[in-house]
Amino acid sequence: MPIAIDTSDPANPRIREVPHIVGLQGIAEGFLYEAKNYLRDLLEIFAIAFGCKLRDASALADLKGEGDSALVKWATATFGQDDSLTQMLRTEQPWVGSLIRMRNAVEHPAGLSGTLIINNIRSRTGERARYIPPTWKITGGPEGPILEEMGIGLDNMLTLGEDLLVETVRHKPVSEHVDFYEIPIEERRPECPTRIQIGPSRDLMAKIAKHLKSPTDKFPSPAMPCLGTPSRGSVTRTHGYAATREDAMAAFAKSWRRE
């Protein structure tokens, strides 16, 4: 990502060099555009598997403050209040709603979602930590670190897509002897960090273990995307500071060279 540096006069201590992200507005708005499209495309899973008629990304979030999104209401009516898919969709609403509101604020500034405000790197006067990383917010809301929240959003969207596929297959199983398992982070291959694998069900593994006279605790535990614990990262609306221009530039470069 291009980083420009404002010129300064070394002879005048009141003038300070401040790094600047070139094209930050376009990068942020483009990310939100693609995020909303991705979330909308996830609804195709429900259309194909269950005949769900919802098509707009807003169906995934409770934008009107009614308690549940249109998709959660559909899942409740279709599968029940306590169903694992219903529970998972309910827990996803806060972060999904945040992304959709921010994109809506770009598409309809000063509308129901407000206006998206983006701040580039800023100098902090009179503090040891001199630089504030780029932030964004909706009018009237708290600021959040752009790069950090983009990373959380990407991870959340990818794992949500995986978990929706898992839940869909569990609701329309090909075989009762097949289930999904989550590979522990430390066991994932760096070159291809696969998170979910398919394997024999617990019942089948227990029968195999009994036949082979081996303990069942050697087998992995089934992947459980929700079950009362958040499976996605959350956004903490506070921003940190970098002590020097070099520290700030290094942090930005590291964030955009995710491997």
C-alpha atoms as a PDB file:
ATOM      1  CA  MET A   1       0.000   0.000   0.000  1.00  0.00           C
ATOM      2  CA  PRO A   2       1.504   3.388  -0.950  1.00  0.00           C
ATOM      3  CA  ILE A   3       2.477   5.562   1.998  1.00  0.00           C
ATOM      4  CA  ALA A   4       3.271   9.227   1.419  1.00  0.00           C
ATOM      5  CA  ILE A   5       5.060  11.437   3.944  1.00  0.00           C
ATOM      6  CA  ASP A   6       4.290  15.113   4.374  1.00  0.00           C
ATOM      7  CA  THR A   7       7.315  17.398   4.061  1.00  0.00           C
ATOM      8  CA  SER A   8       8.561  19.167   7.160  1.00  0.00           C
ATOM      9  CA  ASP A   9      11.131  21.757   8.137  1.00  0.00           C
ATOM     10  CA  PRO A  10      13.794  20.279  10.496  1.00  0.00           C
ATOM     11  CA  ALA A  11      14.604  23.791  11.645  1.00  0.00           C
ATOM     12  CA  ASN A  12      11.077  24.297  12.946  1.00  0.00           C
ATOM     13  CA  PRO A  13      10.158  21.821  15.734  1.00  0.00           C
ATOM     14  CA  ARG A  14       6.496  22.721  15.391  1.00  0.00           C
ATOM     15  CA  ILE A  15       6.394  21.019  11.984  1.00  0.00           C
ATOM     16  CA  ARG A  16       6.246  17.218  12.095  1.00  0.00           C
ATOM     17  CA  GLU A  17       6.468  14.551   9.425  1.00  0.00           C
ATOM     18  CA  VAL A  18       3.242  12.560   9.271  1.00  0.00           C
ATOM     19  CA  PRO A  19       2.826   9.380   7.154  1.00  0.00           C
ATOM     20  CA  HIS A  20      -0.222   9.254   4.908  1.00  0.00           C
ATOM     21  CA  ILE A  21      -2.062   6.308   3.320  1.00  0.00           C
ATOM     22  CA  VAL A  22      -2.566   7.099  -0.355  1.00  0.00           C
ATOM     23  CA  GLY A  23      -6.059   6.192  -1.596  1.00  0.00           C
ATOM     24  CA  LEU A  24      -7.318   5.174   1.840  1.00  0.00           C
ATOM     25  CA  GLN A  25     -10.888   6.329   1.131  1.00  0.00           C
ATOM     26  CA  GLY A  26     -11.141   4.124  -1.948  1.00  0.00           C
ATOM     27  CA  ILE A  27      -9.557   1.146  -0.182  1.00  0.00           C
ATOM     28  CA  ALA A  28     -11.993   1.355   2.737  1.00  0.00           C
ATOM     29  CA  GLU A  29     -15.083   1.898   0.616  1.00  0.00           C
ATOM     30  CA  GLY A  30     -14.046  -0.882  -1.770  1.00  0.00           C
ATOM     31  CA  PHE A  31     -13.621  -3.297   1.138  1.00  0.00           C
ATOM     32  CA  LEU A  32     -17.107  -2.508   2.436  1.00  0.00           C
ATOM     33  CA  TYR A  33     -18.578  -2.905  -1.054  1.00  0.00           C
ATOM     34  CA  GLU A  34     -17.062  -6.374  -1.477  1.00  0.00           C
ATOM     35  CA  ALA A  35     -17.997  -7.356   2.078  1.00  0.00           C
ATOM     36  CA  LYS A  36     -21.662  -6.534   1.508  1.00  0.00           C
ATOM     37  CA  ASN A  37     -21.640  -8.431  -1.797  1.00  0.00           C
ATOM     38  CA  TYR A  38     -20.081 -11.455  -0.094  1.00  0.00           C
ATOM     39  CA  LEU A  39     -22.695 -11.459   2.659  1.00  0.00           C
ATOM     40  CA  ARG A  40     -25.470 -11.167   0.080  1.00  0.00           C
ATOM     41  CA  ASP A  41     -24.017 -14.105  -1.869  1.00  0.00           C
ATOM     42  CA  LEU A  42     -24.063 -16.262   1.277  1.00  0.00           C
ATOM     43  CA  LEU A  43     -27.857 -16.135   1.130  1.00  0.00           C
ATOM     44  CA  GLU A  44     -27.662 -18.323  -1.981  1.00  0.00           C
ATOM     45  CA  ILE A  45     -26.779 -21.224   0.335  1.00  0.00           C
ATOM     46  CA  PHE A  46     -30.216 -20.934   1.953  1.00  0.00           C
ATOM     47  CA  ALA A  47     -31.939 -20.461  -1.401  1.00  0.00           C
ATOM     48  CA  ILE A  48     -30.372 -23.574  -2.922  1.00  0.00           C
ATOM     49  CA  ALA A  49     -30.614 -25.845   0.113  1.00  0.00           C
ATOM     50  CA  PHE A  50     -33.870 -24.715   1.706  1.00  0.00           C
ATOM     51  CA  GLY A  51     -35.710 -22.557  -0.824  1.00  0.00           C
ATOM     52  CA  CYS A  52     -35.322 -19.378   1.247  1.00  0.00           C
ATOM     53  CA  LYS A  53     -36.537 -16.293  -0.626  1.00  0.00           C
ATOM     54  CA  LEU A  54     -34.366 -13.704   1.160  1.00  0.00           C
ATOM     55  CA  ARG A  55     -31.911 -12.031  -1.223  1.00  0.00           C
ATOM     56  CA  ASP A  56     -30.681  -8.771   0.320  1.00  0.00           C
ATOM     57  CA  ALA A  57     -27.609  -8.657   2.582  1.00  0.00           C
ATOM     58  CA  SER A  58     -29.623  -6.700   5.147  1.00  0.00           C
ATOM     59  CA  ALA A  59     -31.577  -9.902   5.849  1.00  0.00           C
ATOM     60  CA  LEU A  60     -28.536 -11.116   7.830  1.00  0.00           C
ATOM     61  CA  ALA A  61     -28.663  -8.259  10.344  1.00  0.00           C
ATOM     62  CA  ASP A  62     -31.148  -6.533  12.614  1.00  0.00           C
ATOM     63  CA  LEU A  63     -30.760  -3.044  11.146  1.00  0.00           C
ATOM     64  CA  LYS A  64     -34.113  -1.816  12.514  1.00  0.00           C
ATOM     65  CA  GLY A  65     -33.496  -2.866  16.116  1.00  0.00           C
ATOM     66  CA  GLU A  66     -36.300  -5.394  16.185  1.00  0.00           C
ATOM     67  CA  GLY A  67     -34.240  -8.037  17.979  1.00  0.00           C
ATOM     68  CA  ASP A  68     -33.783 -10.555  15.170  1.00  0.00           C
ATOM     69  CA  SER A  69     -32.893 -10.276  11.507  1.00  0.00           C
ATOM     70  CA  ALA A  70     -35.185 -11.486   8.749  1.00  0.00           C
ATOM     71  CA  LEU A  71     -32.931 -14.516   8.295  1.00  0.00           C
ATOM     72  CA  VAL A  72     -33.034 -15.413  11.999  1.00  0.00           C
ATOM     73  CA  LYS A  73     -36.840 -15.144  11.933  1.00  0.00           C
ATOM     74  CA  TRP A  74     -36.911 -17.409   8.886  1.00  0.00           C
ATOM     75  CA  ALA A  75     -34.564 -19.938  10.555  1.00  0.00           C
ATOM     76  CA  THR A  76     -36.670 -19.883  13.733  1.00  0.00           C
ATOM     77  CA  ALA A  77     -39.839 -20.605  11.773  1.00  0.00           C
ATOM     78  CA  THR A  78     -38.112 -23.266   9.661  1.00  0.00           C
ATOM     79  CA  PHE A  79     -35.891 -25.095  12.147  1.00  0.00           C
ATOM     80  CA  GLY A  80     -36.942 -23.887  15.586  1.00  0.00           C
ATOM     81  CA  GLN A  81     -35.722 -21.432  18.239  1.00  0.00           C
ATOM     82  CA  ASP A  82     -33.106 -23.781  19.697  1.00  0.00           C
ATOM     83  CA  ASP A  83     -31.730 -25.134  16.421  1.00  0.00           C
ATOM     84  CA  SER A  84     -27.949 -24.819  16.018  1.00  0.00           C
ATOM     85  CA  LEU A  85     -28.258 -22.896  12.738  1.00  0.00           C
ATOM     86  CA  THR A  86     -30.763 -20.476  14.240  1.00  0.00           C
ATOM     87  CA  GLN A  87     -28.502 -19.871  17.225  1.00  0.00           C
ATOM     88  CA  MET A  88     -25.468 -19.303  15.028  1.00  0.00           C
ATOM     89  CA  LEU A  89     -27.250 -16.805  12.786  1.00  0.00           C
ATOM     90  CA  ARG A  90     -28.417 -14.893  15.843  1.00  0.00           C
ATOM     91  CA  THR A  91     -24.868 -14.538  17.212  1.00  0.00           C
ATOM     92  CA  GLU A  92     -23.590 -13.213  13.860  1.00  0.00           C
ATOM     93  CA  GLN A  93     -25.918 -10.194  13.767  1.00  0.00           C
ATOM     94  CA  PRO A  94     -23.773  -7.560  15.560  1.00  0.00           C
ATOM     95  CA  TRP A  95     -20.646  -7.710  13.388  1.00  0.00           C
ATOM     96  CA  VAL A  96     -22.589  -8.358  10.177  1.00  0.00           C
ATOM     97  CA  GLY A  97     -24.823  -5.388  10.940  1.00  0.00           C
ATOM     98  CA  SER A  98     -21.801  -3.173  11.528  1.00  0.00           C
ATOM     99  CA  LEU A  99     -20.346  -3.952   8.081  1.00  0.00           C
ATOM    100  CA  ILE A 100     -23.673  -3.466   6.321  1.00  0.00           C
ATOM    101  CA  ARG A 101     -24.398  -0.175   8.086  1.00  0.00           C
ATOM    102  CA  MET A 102     -20.982   1.172   7.138  1.00  0.00           C
ATOM    103  CA  ARG A 103     -21.483   0.259   3.498  1.00  0.00           C
ATOM    104  CA  ASN A 104     -24.987   1.738   3.549  1.00  0.00           C
ATOM    105  CA  ALA A 105     -23.465   4.939   4.924  1.00  0.00           C
ATOM    106  CA  VAL A 106     -21.267   5.075   1.803  1.00  0.00           C
ATOM    107  CA  GLU A 107     -24.119   4.350  -0.596  1.00  0.00           C
ATOM    108  CA  HIS A 108     -26.594   6.688   1.137  1.00  0.00           C
ATOM    109  CA  PRO A 109     -24.633   9.381   3.013  1.00  0.00           C
ATOM    110  CA  ALA A 110     -26.632  11.233   5.661  1.00  0.00           C
ATOM    111  CA  GLY A 111     -29.306   8.541   5.379  1.00  0.00           C
ATOM    112  CA  LEU A 112     -30.600   6.122   8.017  1.00  0.00           C
ATOM    113  CA  SER A 113     -27.114   4.680   8.569  1.00  0.00           C
ATOM    114  CA  GLY A 114     -25.425   8.084   8.716  1.00  0.00           C
ATOM    115  CA  THR A 115     -22.245   9.013   6.853  1.00  0.00           C
ATOM    116  CA  LEU A 116     -18.956   7.101   6.830  1.00  0.00           C
ATOM    117  CA  ILE A 117     -16.109   9.234   8.160  1.00  0.00           C
ATOM    118  CA  ILE A 118     -12.545   8.100   7.423  1.00  0.00           C
ATOM    119  CA  ASN A 119      -9.497   9.604   9.104  1.00  0.00           C
ATOM    120  CA  ASN A 120      -6.008   9.047   7.748  1.00  0.00           C
ATOM    121  CA  ILE A 121      -2.943   8.889  10.004  1.00  0.00           C
ATOM    122  CA  ARG A 122      -3.015  11.786  12.426  1.00  0.00           C
ATOM    123  CA  SER A 123      -0.469  13.449  14.655  1.00  0.00           C
ATOM    124  CA  ARG A 124      -1.258  13.517  18.368  1.00  0.00           C
ATOM    125  CA  THR A 125       0.076  16.664  19.982  1.00  0.00           C
ATOM    126  CA  GLY A 126       1.508  16.616  23.490  1.00  0.00           C
ATOM    127  CA  GLU A 127       1.512  12.846  23.856  1.00  0.00           C
ATOM    128  CA  ARG A 128       4.313  10.318  23.910  1.00  0.00           C
ATOM    129  CA  ALA A 129       2.402   8.220  21.392  1.00  0.00           C
ATOM    130  CA  ARG A 130       2.515  10.641  18.491  1.00  0.00           C
ATOM    131  CA  TYR A 131       0.525   8.985  15.719  1.00  0.00           C
ATOM    132  CA  ILE A 132      -3.031   7.707  15.485  1.00  0.00           C
ATOM    133  CA  PRO A 133      -3.499   4.920  12.888  1.00  0.00           C
ATOM    134  CA  PRO A 134      -6.264   5.305  10.264  1.00  0.00           C
ATOM    135  CA  THR A 135      -9.777   5.069  11.712  1.00  0.00           C
ATOM    136  CA  TRP A 136     -13.327   5.027  10.457  1.00  0.00           C
ATOM    137  CA  LYS A 137     -16.734   5.536  11.978  1.00  0.00           C
ATOM    138  CA  ILE A 138     -20.335   6.348  11.205  1.00  0.00           C
ATOM    139  CA  THR A 139     -21.541   9.790  12.239  1.00  0.00           C
ATOM    140  CA  GLY A 140     -22.396   9.779  15.913  1.00  0.00           C
ATOM    141  CA  GLY A 141     -20.567   6.482  16.539  1.00  0.00           C
ATOM    142  CA  PRO A 142     -17.157   5.589  18.018  1.00  0.00           C
ATOM    143  CA  GLU A 143     -14.000   5.384  15.946  1.00  0.00           C
ATOM    144  CA  GLY A 144     -12.423   2.046  15.070  1.00  0.00           C
ATOM    145  CA  PRO A 145      -9.004   1.095  13.615  1.00  0.00           C
ATOM    146  CA  ILE A 146      -9.502   0.426   9.909  1.00  0.00           C
ATOM    147  CA  LEU A 147      -6.798  -2.187   9.358  1.00  0.00           C
ATOM    148  CA  GLU A 148      -7.641  -4.147  12.499  1.00  0.00           C
ATOM    149  CA  GLU A 149     -11.341  -4.197  11.743  1.00  0.00           C
ATOM    150  CA  MET A 150     -10.725  -5.191   8.125  1.00  0.00           C
ATOM    151  CA  GLY A 151      -8.708  -8.166   9.347  1.00  0.00           C
ATOM    152  CA  ILE A 152     -11.425  -9.177  11.804  1.00  0.00           C
ATOM    153  CA  GLY A 153     -14.077  -8.746   9.120  1.00  0.00           C
ATOM    154  CA  LEU A 154     -12.219 -10.903   6.592  1.00  0.00           C
ATOM    155  CA  ASP A 155     -11.686 -13.698   9.104  1.00  0.00           C
ATOM    156  CA  ASN A 156     -15.299 -13.493  10.252  1.00  0.00           C
ATOM    157  CA  MET A 157     -16.684 -13.651   6.719  1.00  0.00           C
ATOM    158  CA  LEU A 158     -14.529 -16.606   5.675  1.00  0.00           C
ATOM    159  CA  THR A 159     -15.265 -18.677   8.782  1.00  0.00           C
ATOM    160  CA  LEU A 160     -18.960 -17.785   8.581  1.00  0.00           C
ATOM    161  CA  GLY A 161     -19.060 -19.146   5.038  1.00  0.00           C
ATOM    162  CA  GLU A 162     -17.433 -22.389   6.197  1.00  0.00           C
ATOM    163  CA  ASP A 163     -19.754 -22.768   9.166  1.00  0.00           C
ATOM    164  CA  LEU A 164     -22.850 -22.130   7.055  1.00  0.00           C
ATOM    165  CA  LEU A 165     -21.807 -24.927   4.701  1.00  0.00           C
ATOM    166  CA  VAL A 166     -21.261 -27.239   7.673  1.00  0.00           C
ATOM    167  CA  GLU A 167     -24.662 -26.428   9.151  1.00  0.00           C
ATOM    168  CA  THR A 168     -26.361 -26.804   5.771  1.00  0.00           C
ATOM    169  CA  VAL A 169     -24.940 -30.298   5.253  1.00  0.00           C
ATOM    170  CA  ARG A 170     -25.842 -31.243   8.822  1.00  0.00           C
ATOM    171  CA  HIS A 171     -29.427 -30.188   8.164  1.00  0.00           C
ATOM    172  CA  LYS A 172     -29.499 -32.089   4.851  1.00  0.00           C
ATOM    173  CA  PRO A 173     -27.061 -34.926   5.532  1.00  0.00           C
ATOM    174  CA  VAL A 174     -25.770 -37.127   2.748  1.00  0.00           C
ATOM    175  CA  SER A 175     -25.088 -39.883   5.281  1.00  0.00           C
ATOM    176  CA  GLU A 176     -25.655 -40.255   9.016  1.00  0.00           C
ATOM    177  CA  HIS A 177     -22.144 -41.649   9.312  1.00  0.00           C
ATOM    178  CA  VAL A 178     -20.415 -38.422   8.191  1.00  0.00           C
ATOM    179  CA  ASP A 179     -19.643 -35.313  10.235  1.00  0.00           C
ATOM    180  CA  PHE A 180     -17.316 -32.298  10.265  1.00  0.00           C
ATOM    181  CA  TYR A 181     -14.311 -31.667  12.495  1.00  0.00           C
ATOM    182  CA  GLU A 182     -12.333 -28.532  13.238  1.00  0.00           C
ATOM    183  CA  ILE A 183      -8.564 -28.832  12.946  1.00  0.00           C
ATOM    184  CA  PRO A 184      -6.757 -27.138  15.875  1.00  0.00           C
ATOM    185  CA  ILE A 185      -4.880 -23.998  14.829  1.00  0.00           C
ATOM    186  CA  GLU A 186      -1.513 -25.454  15.806  1.00  0.00           C
ATOM    187  CA  GLU A 187      -2.118 -28.475  13.554  1.00  0.00           C
ATOM    188  CA  ARG A 188      -3.044 -26.534  10.403  1.00  0.00           C
ATOM    189  CA  ARG A 189      -0.525 -26.410   7.577  1.00  0.00           C
ATOM    190  CA  PRO A 190       0.843 -22.860   7.086  1.00  0.00           C
ATOM    191  CA  GLU A 191       0.816 -23.220   3.286  1.00  0.00           C
ATOM    192  CA  CYS A 192      -2.811 -24.377   3.311  1.00  0.00           C
ATOM    193  CA  PRO A 193      -4.441 -23.684   6.712  1.00  0.00           C
ATOM    194  CA  THR A 194      -7.541 -25.830   6.240  1.00  0.00           C
ATOM    195  CA  ARG A 195      -9.889 -25.300   9.195  1.00  0.00           C
ATOM    196  CA  ILE A 196     -12.659 -27.877   8.670  1.00  0.00           C
ATOM    197  CA  GLN A 197     -12.316 -31.507   7.630  1.00  0.00           C
ATOM    198  CA  ILE A 198     -14.917 -34.191   6.999  1.00  0.00           C
ATOM    199  CA  GLY A 199     -14.778 -37.600   8.623  1.00  0.00           C
ATOM    200  CA  PRO A 200     -16.740 -40.448  10.193  1.00  0.00           C
ATOM    201  CA  SER A 201     -19.425 -39.536  12.707  1.00  0.00           C
ATOM    202  CA  ARG A 202     -18.833 -39.989  16.428  1.00  0.00           C
ATOM    203  CA  ASP A 203     -21.122 -43.010  16.523  1.00  0.00           C
ATOM    204  CA  LEU A 204     -19.267 -44.667  13.669  1.00  0.00           C
ATOM    205  CA  MET A 205     -15.891 -43.870  15.226  1.00  0.00           C
ATOM    206  CA  ALA A 206     -17.048 -45.363  18.523  1.00  0.00           C
ATOM    207  CA  LYS A 207     -17.983 -48.573  16.712  1.00  0.00           C
ATOM    208  CA  ILE A 208     -14.634 -48.606  14.917  1.00  0.00           C
ATOM    209  CA  ALA A 209     -12.796 -47.996  18.186  1.00  0.00           C
ATOM    210  CA  LYS A 210     -14.725 -50.809  19.874  1.00  0.00           C
ATOM    211  CA  HIS A 211     -13.922 -53.165  17.019  1.00  0.00           C
ATOM    212  CA  LEU A 212     -10.234 -52.208  17.050  1.00  0.00           C
ATOM    213  CA  LYS A 213     -10.197 -52.084  20.873  1.00  0.00           C
ATOM    214  CA  SER A 214      -8.726 -48.564  20.839  1.00  0.00           C
ATOM    215  CA  PRO A 215      -9.796 -45.543  22.973  1.00  0.00           C
ATOM    216  CA  THR A 216     -12.162 -43.062  21.326  1.00  0.00           C
ATOM    217  CA  ASP A 217     -10.418 -40.027  22.822  1.00  0.00           C
ATOM    218  CA  LYS A 218      -7.854 -40.260  20.026  1.00  0.00           C
ATOM    219  CA  PHE A 219     -10.472 -39.135  17.569  1.00  0.00           C
ATOM    220  CA  PRO A 220     -11.137 -35.410  16.979  1.00  0.00           C
ATOM    221  CA  SER A 221     -14.185 -33.646  18.382  1.00  0.00           C
ATOM    222  CA  PRO A 222     -16.893 -32.501  15.964  1.00  0.00           C
ATOM    223  CA  ALA A 223     -16.768 -28.890  14.813  1.00  0.00           C
ATOM    224  CA  MET A 224     -19.433 -26.880  16.634  1.00  0.00           C
ATOM    225  CA  PRO A 225     -19.630 -23.406  15.078  1.00  0.00           C
ATOM    226  CA  CYS A 226     -21.932 -21.791  17.656  1.00  0.00           C
ATOM    227  CA  LEU A 227     -23.411 -23.617  20.656  1.00  0.00           C
ATOM    228  CA  GLY A 228     -23.506 -20.540  22.841  1.00  0.00           C
ATOM    229  CA  THR A 229     -19.941 -19.298  22.312  1.00  0.00           C
ATOM    230  CA  PRO A 230     -19.067 -16.633  19.728  1.00  0.00           C
ATOM    231  CA  SER A 231     -17.170 -18.216  16.853  1.00  0.00           C
ATOM    232  CA  ARG A 232     -16.297 -14.926  15.219  1.00  0.00           C
ATOM    233  CA  GLY A 233     -13.981 -12.123  16.291  1.00  0.00           C
ATOM    234  CA  SER A 234     -15.425  -9.011  17.879  1.00  0.00           C
ATOM    235  CA  VAL A 235     -14.564  -5.386  17.240  1.00  0.00           C
ATOM    236  CA  THR A 236     -13.199  -3.285  20.074  1.00  0.00           C
ATOM    237  CA  ARG A 237     -13.875   0.352  19.248  1.00  0.00           C
ATOM    238  CA  THR A 238     -10.658   1.825  20.582  1.00  0.00           C
ATOM    239  CA  HIS A 239      -7.611   2.862  18.611  1.00  0.00           C
ATOM    240  CA  GLY A 240      -3.983   2.659  19.660  1.00  0.00           C
ATOM    241  CA  TYR A 241      -1.156   5.006  18.938  1.00  0.00           C
ATOM    242  CA  ALA A 242       2.356   4.673  17.526  1.00  0.00           C
ATOM    243  CA  ALA A 243       5.215   6.463  19.271  1.00  0.00           C
ATOM    244  CA  THR A 244       7.146   7.362  16.140  1.00  0.00           C
ATOM    245  CA  ARG A 245       6.578   7.763  12.433  1.00  0.00           C
ATOM    246  CA  GLU A 246       8.740   4.679  11.799  1.00  0.00           C
ATOM    247  CA  ASP A 247       6.645   2.579  14.202  1.00  0.00           C
ATOM    248  CA  ALA A 248       3.445   3.691  12.500  1.00  0.00           C
ATOM    249  CA  MET A 249       4.757   2.894   9.018  1.00  0.00           C
ATOM    250  CA  ALA A 250       6.040  -0.517  10.150  1.00  0.00           C
ATOM    251  CA  ALA A 251       2.663  -1.366  11.682  1.00  0.00           C
ATOM    252  CA  PHE A 252       0.793  -0.419   8.499  1.00  0.00           C
ATOM    253  CA  ALA A 253       3.194  -2.389   6.292  1.00  0.00           C
ATOM    254  CA  LYS A 254       2.880  -5.462   8.538  1.00  0.00           C
ATOM    255  CA  SER A 255      -0.908  -5.245   8.498  1.00  0.00           C
ATOM    256  CA  TRP A 256      -1.021  -5.218   4.715  1.00  0.00           C
ATOM    257  CA  ARG A 257       1.492  -8.058   4.294  1.00  0.00           C
ATOM    258  CA  ARG A 258      -0.654 -10.685   5.977  1.00  0.00           C
ATOM    259  CA  GLU A 259       0.767 -14.134   5.214  1.00  0.00           C
END
